[in-house]
Amino acid sequence: MEERGALFFAALGLLALSGLSHFIRSSIASGTLDRNSAIGLRTKATQSSDVAWVAGHKAAGPWLSACAGLGYLMGAATAVGALVTIATDSIHSSIWFLPAVGFAGVVVLLVLATVIADRHGKNVAGVDHGTGPAPLDRSAE
């Protein structure tokens, strides 16, 4: 019985991560997630300015959507699997494949989203990322 409960907690964890990814994506798209120290893809580059924050998160948006979609799907599948194990009064170790793939996929997509957000945050014009002032362009002189 303990394994069935653990399956439900795994499903809830996946759904919570997915909900957070979905919230970040939706909030950036609607312009309601300002730079902060609590939630979002927080890197040195994305936190360097409001422009870098928005640019990084918008670039990472498709990856956040994929993360949410995968997590919702695998979380629901895990919950259904847990219900099936209760209904049949049996559990097979292969059922753990669902949350394992779900968590692995969500983590990979979150890492990719963070890397993309960081790169776009660094590419925002006029943002100093600890490299000092940009050299002057004297080619027109």
C-alpha atoms as a PDB file:
ATOM      1  CA  MET A   1       0.000   0.000   0.000  1.00  0.00           C
ATOM      2  CA  GLU A   2       2.899   2.349   0.685  1.00  0.00           C
ATOM      3  CA  GLU A   3       4.022   2.157  -2.950  1.00  0.00           C
ATOM      4  CA  ARG A   4       0.588   3.265  -4.148  1.00  0.00           C
ATOM      5  CA  GLY A   5       0.754   6.287  -1.874  1.00  0.00           C
ATOM      6  CA  ALA A   6       4.229   7.069  -3.146  1.00  0.00           C
ATOM      7  CA  LEU A   7       2.897   6.909  -6.718  1.00  0.00           C
ATOM      8  CA  PHE A   8       0.250   9.497  -5.857  1.00  0.00           C
ATOM      9  CA  PHE A   9       2.884  11.751  -4.273  1.00  0.00           C
ATOM     10  CA  ALA A  10       5.052  11.375  -7.395  1.00  0.00           C
ATOM     11  CA  ALA A  11       2.052  12.333  -9.533  1.00  0.00           C
ATOM     12  CA  LEU A  12       1.402  15.368  -7.318  1.00  0.00           C
ATOM     13  CA  GLY A  13       5.061  16.393  -7.569  1.00  0.00           C
ATOM     14  CA  LEU A  14       4.968  16.218 -11.354  1.00  0.00           C
ATOM     15  CA  LEU A  15       1.722  18.174 -11.473  1.00  0.00           C
ATOM     16  CA  ALA A  16       3.135  20.822  -9.111  1.00  0.00           C
ATOM     17  CA  LEU A  17       6.300  21.288 -11.208  1.00  0.00           C
ATOM     18  CA  SER A  18       4.170  21.473 -14.327  1.00  0.00           C
ATOM     19  CA  GLY A  19       1.858  24.008 -12.752  1.00  0.00           C
ATOM     20  CA  LEU A  20       4.815  26.173 -11.765  1.00  0.00           C
ATOM     21  CA  SER A  21       6.277  26.012 -15.290  1.00  0.00           C
ATOM     22  CA  HIS A  22       2.858  26.828 -16.728  1.00  0.00           C
ATOM     23  CA  PHE A  23       2.448  29.742 -14.305  1.00  0.00           C
ATOM     24  CA  ILE A  24       5.850  31.224 -15.207  1.00  0.00           C
ATOM     25  CA  ARG A  25       5.138  30.876 -18.944  1.00  0.00           C
ATOM     26  CA  SER A  26       1.665  32.423 -18.652  1.00  0.00           C
ATOM     27  CA  SER A  27       2.816  35.218 -16.351  1.00  0.00           C
ATOM     28  CA  ILE A  28       5.643  36.259 -18.658  1.00  0.00           C
ATOM     29  CA  ALA A  29       3.339  36.120 -21.686  1.00  0.00           C
ATOM     30  CA  SER A  30       0.815  38.372 -19.924  1.00  0.00           C
ATOM     31  CA  GLY A  31       3.508  40.679 -18.527  1.00  0.00           C
ATOM     32  CA  THR A  32       2.666  40.039 -14.873  1.00  0.00           C
ATOM     33  CA  LEU A  33       5.865  38.322 -13.688  1.00  0.00           C
ATOM     34  CA  ASP A  34       8.358  41.013 -12.778  1.00  0.00           C
ATOM     35  CA  ARG A  35      11.964  40.323 -11.864  1.00  0.00           C
ATOM     36  CA  ASN A  36      12.077  38.904  -8.358  1.00  0.00           C
ATOM     37  CA  SER A  37      14.118  36.695  -6.064  1.00  0.00           C
ATOM     38  CA  ALA A  38      11.528  33.961  -5.527  1.00  0.00           C
ATOM     39  CA  ILE A  39      10.147  32.571  -8.779  1.00  0.00           C
ATOM     40  CA  GLY A  40      11.299  32.332 -12.370  1.00  0.00           C
ATOM     41  CA  LEU A  41      14.431  31.331 -14.265  1.00  0.00           C
ATOM     42  CA  ARG A  42      16.844  33.152 -12.000  1.00  0.00           C
ATOM     43  CA  THR A  43      20.379  33.439 -13.324  1.00  0.00           C
ATOM     44  CA  LYS A  44      22.933  36.217 -12.997  1.00  0.00           C
ATOM     45  CA  ALA A  45      22.087  37.343 -16.527  1.00  0.00           C
ATOM     46  CA  THR A  46      18.291  37.253 -16.217  1.00  0.00           C
ATOM     47  CA  GLN A  47      18.399  39.112 -12.908  1.00  0.00           C
ATOM     48  CA  SER A  48      20.745  41.798 -14.209  1.00  0.00           C
ATOM     49  CA  SER A  49      17.895  43.976 -15.531  1.00  0.00           C
ATOM     50  CA  ASP A  50      14.168  43.966 -16.168  1.00  0.00           C
ATOM     51  CA  VAL A  51      14.825  43.821 -19.911  1.00  0.00           C
ATOM     52  CA  ALA A  52      17.105  40.791 -19.520  1.00  0.00           C
ATOM     53  CA  TRP A  53      14.513  39.111 -17.266  1.00  0.00           C
ATOM     54  CA  VAL A  54      11.718  39.477 -19.809  1.00  0.00           C
ATOM     55  CA  ALA A  55      13.909  38.636 -22.823  1.00  0.00           C
ATOM     56  CA  GLY A  56      15.261  35.495 -21.188  1.00  0.00           C
ATOM     57  CA  HIS A  57      11.875  34.252 -20.060  1.00  0.00           C
ATOM     58  CA  LYS A  58      10.209  34.956 -23.395  1.00  0.00           C
ATOM     59  CA  ALA A  59      12.942  33.020 -25.201  1.00  0.00           C
ATOM     60  CA  ALA A  60      12.531  30.117 -22.771  1.00  0.00           C
ATOM     61  CA  GLY A  61       8.742  30.150 -23.143  1.00  0.00           C
ATOM     62  CA  PRO A  62       8.417  27.244 -25.591  1.00  0.00           C
ATOM     63  CA  TRP A  63      10.626  25.092 -23.352  1.00  0.00           C
ATOM     64  CA  LEU A  64       8.537  25.991 -20.312  1.00  0.00           C
ATOM     65  CA  SER A  65       5.405  25.028 -22.257  1.00  0.00           C
ATOM     66  CA  ALA A  66       6.964  21.696 -23.224  1.00  0.00           C
ATOM     67  CA  CYS A  67       7.974  21.145 -19.600  1.00  0.00           C
ATOM     68  CA  ALA A  68       4.440  21.830 -18.383  1.00  0.00           C
ATOM     69  CA  GLY A  69       2.880  19.611 -21.038  1.00  0.00           C
ATOM     70  CA  LEU A  70       5.190  16.681 -20.352  1.00  0.00           C
ATOM     71  CA  GLY A  71       4.756  17.004 -16.605  1.00  0.00           C
ATOM     72  CA  TYR A  72       0.965  17.188 -16.845  1.00  0.00           C
ATOM     73  CA  LEU A  73       0.894  14.135 -19.119  1.00  0.00           C
ATOM     74  CA  MET A  74       3.245  12.021 -17.020  1.00  0.00           C
ATOM     75  CA  GLY A  75       1.657  13.189 -13.760  1.00  0.00           C
ATOM     76  CA  ALA A  76      -1.787  12.182 -14.998  1.00  0.00           C
ATOM     77  CA  ALA A  77      -0.447   8.855 -16.299  1.00  0.00           C
ATOM     78  CA  THR A  78       1.202   8.198 -12.934  1.00  0.00           C
ATOM     79  CA  ALA A  79      -2.047   8.974 -11.094  1.00  0.00           C
ATOM     80  CA  VAL A  80      -3.978   6.645 -13.418  1.00  0.00           C
ATOM     81  CA  GLY A  81      -1.335   3.976 -12.863  1.00  0.00           C
ATOM     82  CA  ALA A  82      -1.739   4.365  -9.110  1.00  0.00           C
ATOM     83  CA  LEU A  83      -5.519   4.015  -9.432  1.00  0.00           C
ATOM     84  CA  VAL A  84      -5.089   0.875 -11.546  1.00  0.00           C
ATOM     85  CA  THR A  85      -2.819  -0.652  -8.918  1.00  0.00           C
ATOM     86  CA  ILE A  86      -5.500   0.008  -6.299  1.00  0.00           C
ATOM     87  CA  ALA A  87      -8.292  -1.394  -8.485  1.00  0.00           C
ATOM     88  CA  THR A  88      -6.361  -4.555  -9.350  1.00  0.00           C
ATOM     89  CA  ASP A  89      -4.787  -4.877  -5.907  1.00  0.00           C
ATOM     90  CA  SER A  90      -1.421  -5.516  -7.532  1.00  0.00           C
ATOM     91  CA  ILE A  91       1.590  -3.422  -8.377  1.00  0.00           C
ATOM     92  CA  HIS A  92       4.375  -4.071 -10.835  1.00  0.00           C
ATOM     93  CA  SER A  93       7.746  -2.374 -10.520  1.00  0.00           C
ATOM     94  CA  SER A  94       7.501  -1.128 -14.117  1.00  0.00           C
ATOM     95  CA  ILE A  95       4.865   1.385 -12.984  1.00  0.00           C
ATOM     96  CA  TRP A  96       7.737   3.489 -11.628  1.00  0.00           C
ATOM     97  CA  PHE A  97       8.821   4.068 -15.224  1.00  0.00           C
ATOM     98  CA  LEU A  98       6.110   6.745 -15.570  1.00  0.00           C
ATOM     99  CA  PRO A  99       7.192   9.141 -12.821  1.00  0.00           C
ATOM    100  CA  ALA A 100      10.883   8.442 -13.494  1.00  0.00           C
ATOM    101  CA  VAL A 101      10.561   9.476 -17.138  1.00  0.00           C
ATOM    102  CA  GLY A 102       8.325  12.366 -16.136  1.00  0.00           C
ATOM    103  CA  PHE A 103      10.726  13.823 -13.586  1.00  0.00           C
ATOM    104  CA  ALA A 104      13.768  13.251 -15.818  1.00  0.00           C
ATOM    105  CA  GLY A 105      12.049  14.948 -18.752  1.00  0.00           C
ATOM    106  CA  VAL A 106      10.831  17.880 -16.677  1.00  0.00           C
ATOM    107  CA  VAL A 107      14.292  18.443 -15.189  1.00  0.00           C
ATOM    108  CA  VAL A 108      15.973  18.302 -18.619  1.00  0.00           C
ATOM    109  CA  LEU A 109      13.454  20.766 -20.080  1.00  0.00           C
ATOM    110  CA  LEU A 110      13.832  23.123 -17.101  1.00  0.00           C
ATOM    111  CA  VAL A 111      17.618  23.064 -17.466  1.00  0.00           C
ATOM    112  CA  LEU A 112      17.314  23.790 -21.196  1.00  0.00           C
ATOM    113  CA  ALA A 113      14.857  26.621 -20.500  1.00  0.00           C
ATOM    114  CA  THR A 114      17.238  28.103 -17.935  1.00  0.00           C
ATOM    115  CA  VAL A 115      20.236  27.904 -20.291  1.00  0.00           C
ATOM    116  CA  ILE A 116      18.232  29.591 -23.057  1.00  0.00           C
ATOM    117  CA  ALA A 117      16.947  32.285 -20.681  1.00  0.00           C
ATOM    118  CA  ASP A 118      20.495  32.924 -19.474  1.00  0.00           C
ATOM    119  CA  ARG A 119      21.852  33.238 -23.022  1.00  0.00           C
ATOM    120  CA  HIS A 120      19.126  35.644 -24.076  1.00  0.00           C
ATOM    121  CA  GLY A 121      19.556  37.615 -20.875  1.00  0.00           C
ATOM    122  CA  LYS A 122      23.255  38.015 -21.690  1.00  0.00           C
ATOM    123  CA  ASN A 123      22.485  39.127 -25.242  1.00  0.00           C
ATOM    124  CA  VAL A 124      20.331  42.060 -24.166  1.00  0.00           C
ATOM    125  CA  ALA A 125      22.016  45.256 -25.321  1.00  0.00           C
ATOM    126  CA  GLY A 126      23.414  47.530 -22.646  1.00  0.00           C
ATOM    127  CA  VAL A 127      23.585  44.952 -19.891  1.00  0.00           C
ATOM    128  CA  ASP A 128      26.870  44.707 -18.020  1.00  0.00           C
ATOM    129  CA  HIS A 129      27.512  41.119 -16.958  1.00  0.00           C
ATOM    130  CA  GLY A 130      30.590  41.781 -14.904  1.00  0.00           C
ATOM    131  CA  THR A 131      32.865  42.189 -17.913  1.00  0.00           C
ATOM    132  CA  GLY A 132      33.212  45.933 -17.495  1.00  0.00           C
ATOM    133  CA  PRO A 133      32.223  48.612 -19.968  1.00  0.00           C
ATOM    134  CA  ALA A 134      31.945  47.715 -23.632  1.00  0.00           C
ATOM    135  CA  PRO A 135      34.791  49.037 -25.781  1.00  0.00           C
ATOM    136  CA  LEU A 136      34.044  52.128 -27.825  1.00  0.00           C
ATOM    137  CA  ASP A 137      33.478  51.616 -31.526  1.00  0.00           C
ATOM    138  CA  ARG A 138      36.019  53.944 -33.177  1.00  0.00           C
ATOM    139  CA  SER A 139      35.622  52.574 -36.697  1.00  0.00           C
ATOM    140  CA  ALA A 140      33.603  55.626 -37.774  1.00  0.00           C
ATOM    141  CA  GLU A 141      36.332  58.115 -36.724  1.00  0.00           C
END
